[in-house]
Amino acid sequence: MNKDEKKLLHLYRCLTAEDQFSLLRFGAFLAQNNTEDIAVIDDPQPIEASDNETVIGALKRLSASYFMLDKALLLSETSTLVTQHVTQGRAKEAVIEELEMLFKTHYEKLKEK
């Protein structure tokens, strides 16, 4: 416990029960209105697709563009799309388009939080 916390505890203990309750309510009010805890989500930094971009290239590009996203949360869905392209022959254009939508959707969900 730091010096200020000890001082606050001492003051709290010197108060009547009614005043202790008021102090707690005021503390809760201050904590509720503390804007420092609000996370600022960076905007994506779009990177243009190169000519003849591969699915893996698109995945790297989107990961760099949406650097603020937790890639672990995208792993299952991106792996499925890459696998569809590599093993099932799904067209790279369709997979890249879906990857772009996936990253955009995850970004929008993050902004909502």
N, C-alpha and C. Protein backbone atom coordinates (compact mmCIF):
# COMPACT_ATOMS: atom_id res chain seq x y z
N MET A 1 0.85 -1.17 0.00
CA MET A 1 0.00 0.00 0.00
C MET A 1 0.91 1.24 0.00
N ASN A 2 0.63 2.16 -0.92
CA ASN A 2 1.47 3.37 -0.99
C ASN A 2 1.00 4.41 0.03
N LYS A 3 1.73 5.51 0.10
CA LYS A 3 1.48 6.58 1.09
C LYS A 3 0.07 7.16 0.97
N ASP A 4 -0.36 7.43 -0.26
CA ASP A 4 -1.70 8.01 -0.45
C ASP A 4 -2.80 7.04 -0.06
N GLU A 5 -2.61 5.77 -0.36
CA GLU A 5 -3.61 4.77 0.02
C GLU A 5 -3.72 4.66 1.54
N LYS A 6 -2.59 4.71 2.23
CA LYS A 6 -2.59 4.66 3.70
C LYS A 6 -3.30 5.89 4.26
N LYS A 7 -3.03 7.05 3.67
CA LYS A 7 -3.66 8.29 4.13
C LYS A 7 -5.17 8.22 3.94
N LEU A 8 -5.60 7.71 2.78
CA LEU A 8 -7.03 7.58 2.51
C LEU A 8 -7.68 6.61 3.49
N LEU A 9 -7.03 5.51 3.78
CA LEU A 9 -7.56 4.55 4.74
C LEU A 9 -7.66 5.17 6.14
N HIS A 10 -6.65 5.95 6.53
CA HIS A 10 -6.69 6.63 7.84
C HIS A 10 -7.87 7.59 7.90
N LEU A 11 -8.04 8.38 6.86
CA LEU A 11 -9.16 9.32 6.82
C LEU A 11 -10.50 8.59 6.88
N TYR A 12 -10.60 7.50 6.13
CA TYR A 12 -11.83 6.71 6.11
C TYR A 12 -12.16 6.22 7.53
N ARG A 13 -11.17 5.74 8.23
CA ARG A 13 -11.38 5.20 9.58
C ARG A 13 -11.77 6.28 10.59
N CYS A 14 -11.44 7.53 10.31
CA CYS A 14 -11.78 8.65 11.20
C CYS A 14 -13.22 9.14 11.01
N LEU A 15 -13.86 8.69 9.97
CA LEU A 15 -15.21 9.16 9.64
C LEU A 15 -16.29 8.35 10.35
N THR A 16 -17.46 8.98 10.43
CA THR A 16 -18.63 8.25 10.94
C THR A 16 -19.08 7.26 9.87
N ALA A 17 -19.90 6.32 10.24
CA ALA A 17 -20.39 5.32 9.29
C ALA A 17 -21.10 5.97 8.11
N GLU A 18 -21.87 7.02 8.40
CA GLU A 18 -22.59 7.73 7.34
C GLU A 18 -21.61 8.41 6.38
N ASP A 19 -20.58 9.05 6.93
CA ASP A 19 -19.59 9.71 6.10
C ASP A 19 -18.73 8.70 5.33
N GLN A 20 -18.46 7.56 5.91
CA GLN A 20 -17.73 6.49 5.20
C GLN A 20 -18.52 6.07 3.97
N PHE A 21 -19.83 5.92 4.15
CA PHE A 21 -20.69 5.55 3.03
C PHE A 21 -20.65 6.62 1.94
N SER A 22 -20.69 7.88 2.35
CA SER A 22 -20.63 8.98 1.38
C SER A 22 -19.30 8.97 0.62
N LEU A 23 -18.22 8.73 1.36
CA LEU A 23 -16.90 8.68 0.72
C LEU A 23 -16.84 7.54 -0.30
N LEU A 24 -17.38 6.39 0.05
CA LEU A 24 -17.39 5.26 -0.88
C LEU A 24 -18.22 5.57 -2.12
N ARG A 25 -19.37 6.21 -1.92
CA ARG A 25 -20.20 6.58 -3.07
C ARG A 25 -19.48 7.57 -3.97
N PHE A 26 -18.80 8.54 -3.36
CA PHE A 26 -18.05 9.53 -4.15
C PHE A 26 -16.89 8.85 -4.89
N GLY A 27 -16.20 7.93 -4.23
CA GLY A 27 -15.12 7.19 -4.88
C GLY A 27 -15.62 6.38 -6.06
N ALA A 28 -16.78 5.74 -5.88
CA ALA A 28 -17.38 4.97 -6.97
C ALA A 28 -17.76 5.88 -8.14
N PHE A 29 -18.28 7.07 -7.81
CA PHE A 29 -18.62 8.04 -8.84
C PHE A 29 -17.39 8.45 -9.63
N LEU A 30 -16.30 8.75 -8.94
CA LEU A 30 -15.07 9.16 -9.61
C LEU A 30 -14.51 8.04 -10.48
N ALA A 31 -14.55 6.83 -9.96
CA ALA A 31 -14.03 5.69 -10.72
C ALA A 31 -14.86 5.44 -11.98
N GLN A 32 -16.16 5.62 -11.87
CA GLN A 32 -17.06 5.40 -13.00
C GLN A 32 -16.81 6.41 -14.11
N ASN A 33 -16.44 7.61 -13.75
CA ASN A 33 -16.24 8.68 -14.73
C ASN A 33 -14.79 8.83 -15.14
N ASN A 34 -13.95 7.90 -14.78
CA ASN A 34 -12.53 7.98 -15.11
C ASN A 34 -12.35 7.60 -16.58
N THR A 35 -12.03 8.57 -17.42
CA THR A 35 -11.89 8.32 -18.85
C THR A 35 -10.53 7.75 -19.22
N GLU A 36 -9.60 7.71 -18.28
CA GLU A 36 -8.28 7.16 -18.59
C GLU A 36 -8.35 5.67 -18.91
N ASP A 37 -9.39 4.99 -18.39
CA ASP A 37 -9.51 3.56 -18.59
C ASP A 37 -10.13 3.20 -19.94
N ILE A 38 -10.58 4.19 -20.68
CA ILE A 38 -11.20 3.93 -21.97
C ILE A 38 -10.10 3.63 -22.98
N ALA A 39 -10.20 2.46 -23.58
CA ALA A 39 -9.18 2.06 -24.55
C ALA A 39 -9.39 2.80 -25.86
N VAL A 40 -8.31 3.24 -26.43
CA VAL A 40 -8.35 3.88 -27.74
C VAL A 40 -7.91 2.84 -28.76
N ILE A 41 -8.77 2.57 -29.70
CA ILE A 41 -8.49 1.58 -30.73
C ILE A 41 -7.95 2.31 -31.95
N ASP A 42 -6.75 1.93 -32.36
CA ASP A 42 -6.16 2.54 -33.54
C ASP A 42 -6.95 2.18 -34.79
N ASP A 43 -6.92 3.08 -35.76
CA ASP A 43 -7.53 2.81 -37.05
C ASP A 43 -6.60 1.89 -37.85
N PRO A 44 -7.19 1.06 -38.70
CA PRO A 44 -6.35 0.21 -39.56
C PRO A 44 -5.48 1.08 -40.47
N GLN A 45 -4.33 0.56 -40.83
CA GLN A 45 -3.42 1.23 -41.76
C GLN A 45 -3.43 0.41 -43.05
N PRO A 46 -4.38 0.71 -43.94
CA PRO A 46 -4.54 -0.10 -45.15
C PRO A 46 -3.26 -0.17 -45.98
N ILE A 47 -2.95 -1.38 -46.40
CA ILE A 47 -1.82 -1.64 -47.29
C ILE A 47 -2.42 -2.19 -48.57
N GLU A 48 -2.04 -1.61 -49.68
CA GLU A 48 -2.58 -2.06 -50.96
C GLU A 48 -2.09 -3.46 -51.31
N ALA A 49 -2.97 -4.22 -51.91
CA ALA A 49 -2.60 -5.56 -52.36
C ALA A 49 -1.65 -5.44 -53.55
N SER A 50 -0.67 -6.30 -53.57
CA SER A 50 0.26 -6.31 -54.70
C SER A 50 -0.37 -7.06 -55.87
N ASP A 51 0.19 -6.86 -57.05
CA ASP A 51 -0.27 -7.61 -58.22
C ASP A 51 0.01 -9.09 -57.97
N ASN A 52 -0.92 -9.93 -58.35
CA ASN A 52 -0.79 -11.38 -58.17
C ASN A 52 -0.55 -11.77 -56.72
N GLU A 53 -1.23 -11.09 -55.82
CA GLU A 53 -1.09 -11.40 -54.40
C GLU A 53 -1.55 -12.82 -54.11
N THR A 54 -0.81 -13.52 -53.28
CA THR A 54 -1.20 -14.87 -52.86
C THR A 54 -2.09 -14.78 -51.63
N VAL A 55 -2.71 -15.87 -51.26
CA VAL A 55 -3.54 -15.91 -50.06
C VAL A 55 -2.69 -15.63 -48.83
N ILE A 56 -1.51 -16.24 -48.76
CA ILE A 56 -0.61 -16.01 -47.63
C ILE A 56 -0.14 -14.55 -47.61
N GLY A 57 0.14 -14.01 -48.78
CA GLY A 57 0.51 -12.60 -48.88
C GLY A 57 -0.60 -11.70 -48.39
N ALA A 58 -1.84 -12.03 -48.74
CA ALA A 58 -2.99 -11.25 -48.29
C ALA A 58 -3.14 -11.34 -46.78
N LEU A 59 -2.92 -12.52 -46.25
CA LEU A 59 -3.00 -12.72 -44.80
C LEU A 59 -1.96 -11.87 -44.07
N LYS A 60 -0.76 -11.83 -44.60
CA LYS A 60 0.30 -11.00 -44.01
C LYS A 60 -0.04 -9.52 -44.13
N ARG A 61 -0.55 -9.13 -45.28
CA ARG A 61 -0.93 -7.73 -45.51
C ARG A 61 -2.03 -7.31 -44.54
N LEU A 62 -3.04 -8.15 -44.40
CA LEU A 62 -4.16 -7.82 -43.51
C LEU A 62 -3.73 -7.81 -42.04
N SER A 63 -2.84 -8.72 -41.69
CA SER A 63 -2.32 -8.73 -40.31
C SER A 63 -1.58 -7.44 -40.00
N ALA A 64 -0.83 -6.94 -40.98
CA ALA A 64 -0.11 -5.68 -40.79
C ALA A 64 -1.07 -4.49 -40.80
N SER A 65 -2.07 -4.53 -41.64
CA SER A 65 -3.05 -3.44 -41.72
C SER A 65 -3.89 -3.35 -40.46
N TYR A 66 -4.27 -4.50 -39.92
CA TYR A 66 -5.09 -4.57 -38.72
C TYR A 66 -4.23 -5.03 -37.55
N PHE A 67 -3.16 -4.31 -37.31
CA PHE A 67 -2.17 -4.66 -36.29
C PHE A 67 -2.77 -4.69 -34.88
N MET A 68 -3.90 -4.00 -34.66
CA MET A 68 -4.49 -3.91 -33.33
C MET A 68 -5.31 -5.14 -32.95
N LEU A 69 -5.56 -6.03 -33.91
CA LEU A 69 -6.35 -7.22 -33.63
C LEU A 69 -5.51 -8.32 -33.01
N ASP A 70 -6.12 -9.09 -32.13
CA ASP A 70 -5.47 -10.25 -31.54
C ASP A 70 -5.54 -11.38 -32.57
N LYS A 71 -4.41 -11.71 -33.13
CA LYS A 71 -4.38 -12.69 -34.23
C LYS A 71 -4.82 -14.08 -33.76
N ALA A 72 -4.67 -14.37 -32.48
CA ALA A 72 -5.11 -15.66 -31.95
C ALA A 72 -6.62 -15.83 -32.10
N LEU A 73 -7.36 -14.72 -32.01
CA LEU A 73 -8.81 -14.79 -32.17
C LEU A 73 -9.21 -15.04 -33.62
N LEU A 74 -8.32 -14.76 -34.54
CA LEU A 74 -8.60 -14.94 -35.97
C LEU A 74 -8.08 -16.28 -36.49
N LEU A 75 -7.26 -16.96 -35.71
CA LEU A 75 -6.53 -18.13 -36.18
C LEU A 75 -7.41 -19.22 -36.77
N SER A 76 -8.45 -19.58 -36.09
CA SER A 76 -9.31 -20.67 -36.57
C SER A 76 -9.94 -20.34 -37.92
N GLU A 77 -10.49 -19.14 -38.02
CA GLU A 77 -11.18 -18.75 -39.25
C GLU A 77 -10.20 -18.55 -40.41
N THR A 78 -9.06 -17.94 -40.14
CA THR A 78 -8.09 -17.74 -41.22
C THR A 78 -7.50 -19.07 -41.67
N SER A 79 -7.25 -19.96 -40.72
CA SER A 79 -6.71 -21.28 -41.07
C SER A 79 -7.67 -22.05 -41.96
N THR A 80 -8.95 -21.96 -41.65
CA THR A 80 -9.97 -22.63 -42.46
C THR A 80 -9.95 -22.10 -43.89
N LEU A 81 -9.87 -20.79 -44.04
CA LEU A 81 -9.87 -20.20 -45.37
C LEU A 81 -8.62 -20.57 -46.16
N VAL A 82 -7.46 -20.54 -45.51
CA VAL A 82 -6.22 -20.91 -46.19
C VAL A 82 -6.27 -22.38 -46.60
N THR A 83 -6.78 -23.22 -45.73
CA THR A 83 -6.90 -24.65 -46.03
C THR A 83 -7.84 -24.89 -47.20
N GLN A 84 -8.93 -24.15 -47.26
CA GLN A 84 -9.86 -24.28 -48.38
C GLN A 84 -9.16 -23.96 -49.70
N HIS A 85 -8.29 -22.99 -49.68
CA HIS A 85 -7.58 -22.61 -50.89
C HIS A 85 -6.53 -23.66 -51.26
N VAL A 86 -5.74 -24.06 -50.27
CA VAL A 86 -4.61 -24.95 -50.54
C VAL A 86 -5.06 -26.37 -50.85
N THR A 87 -5.95 -26.92 -50.05
CA THR A 87 -6.31 -28.34 -50.22
C THR A 87 -7.54 -28.58 -51.07
N GLN A 88 -8.44 -27.59 -51.11
CA GLN A 88 -9.68 -27.79 -51.86
C GLN A 88 -9.73 -27.00 -53.16
N GLY A 89 -8.71 -26.21 -53.41
CA GLY A 89 -8.63 -25.47 -54.66
C GLY A 89 -9.58 -24.29 -54.77
N ARG A 90 -10.05 -23.79 -53.64
CA ARG A 90 -10.93 -22.62 -53.70
C ARG A 90 -10.15 -21.44 -54.28
N ALA A 91 -10.80 -20.67 -55.12
CA ALA A 91 -10.15 -19.56 -55.83
C ALA A 91 -9.56 -18.55 -54.85
N LYS A 92 -8.32 -18.13 -55.15
CA LYS A 92 -7.63 -17.20 -54.25
C LYS A 92 -8.37 -15.88 -54.12
N GLU A 93 -9.01 -15.42 -55.19
CA GLU A 93 -9.73 -14.15 -55.14
C GLU A 93 -10.88 -14.21 -54.12
N ALA A 94 -11.59 -15.33 -54.11
CA ALA A 94 -12.70 -15.49 -53.17
C ALA A 94 -12.20 -15.59 -51.74
N VAL A 95 -11.10 -16.31 -51.55
CA VAL A 95 -10.54 -16.46 -50.20
C VAL A 95 -10.00 -15.12 -49.71
N ILE A 96 -9.30 -14.39 -50.55
CA ILE A 96 -8.76 -13.08 -50.15
C ILE A 96 -9.90 -12.13 -49.81
N GLU A 97 -10.95 -12.13 -50.60
CA GLU A 97 -12.10 -11.27 -50.32
C GLU A 97 -12.72 -11.62 -48.97
N GLU A 98 -12.83 -12.91 -48.68
CA GLU A 98 -13.39 -13.34 -47.40
C GLU A 98 -12.45 -13.00 -46.24
N LEU A 99 -11.15 -13.11 -46.46
CA LEU A 99 -10.19 -12.71 -45.43
C LEU A 99 -10.33 -11.22 -45.11
N GLU A 100 -10.48 -10.41 -46.15
CA GLU A 100 -10.64 -8.98 -45.95
C GLU A 100 -11.90 -8.68 -45.13
N MET A 101 -12.97 -9.36 -45.42
CA MET A 101 -14.22 -9.18 -44.68
C MET A 101 -14.06 -9.66 -43.23
N LEU A 102 -13.35 -10.75 -43.05
CA LEU A 102 -13.11 -11.30 -41.72
C LEU A 102 -12.36 -10.30 -40.83
N PHE A 103 -11.28 -9.74 -41.36
CA PHE A 103 -10.51 -8.77 -40.59
C PHE A 103 -11.34 -7.53 -40.30
N LYS A 104 -12.09 -7.07 -41.29
CA LYS A 104 -12.93 -5.89 -41.10
C LYS A 104 -13.99 -6.14 -40.03
N THR A 105 -14.60 -7.30 -40.05
CA THR A 105 -15.63 -7.66 -39.07
C THR A 105 -15.05 -7.71 -37.66
N HIS A 106 -13.89 -8.33 -37.52
CA HIS A 106 -13.26 -8.41 -36.20
C HIS A 106 -12.88 -7.01 -35.70
N TYR A 107 -12.46 -6.17 -36.60
CA TYR A 107 -12.12 -4.79 -36.22
C TYR A 107 -13.37 -4.05 -35.75
N GLU A 108 -14.46 -4.20 -36.46
CA GLU A 108 -15.72 -3.53 -36.09
C GLU A 108 -16.20 -4.03 -34.72
N LYS A 109 -16.07 -5.31 -34.47
CA LYS A 109 -16.46 -5.86 -33.16
C LYS A 109 -15.59 -5.28 -32.05
N LEU A 110 -14.30 -5.15 -32.31
CA LEU A 110 -13.39 -4.57 -31.33
C LEU A 110 -13.77 -3.13 -31.03
N LYS A 111 -14.13 -2.37 -32.07
CA LYS A 111 -14.52 -0.97 -31.88
C LYS A 111 -15.80 -0.86 -31.04
N GLU A 112 -16.71 -1.81 -31.23
CA GLU A 112 -17.97 -1.79 -30.47
C GLU A 112 -17.73 -1.96 -28.97
N LYS A 113 -16.72 -2.76 -28.64
CA LYS A 113 -16.41 -3.00 -27.23
C LYS A 113 -15.84 -1.75 -26.64
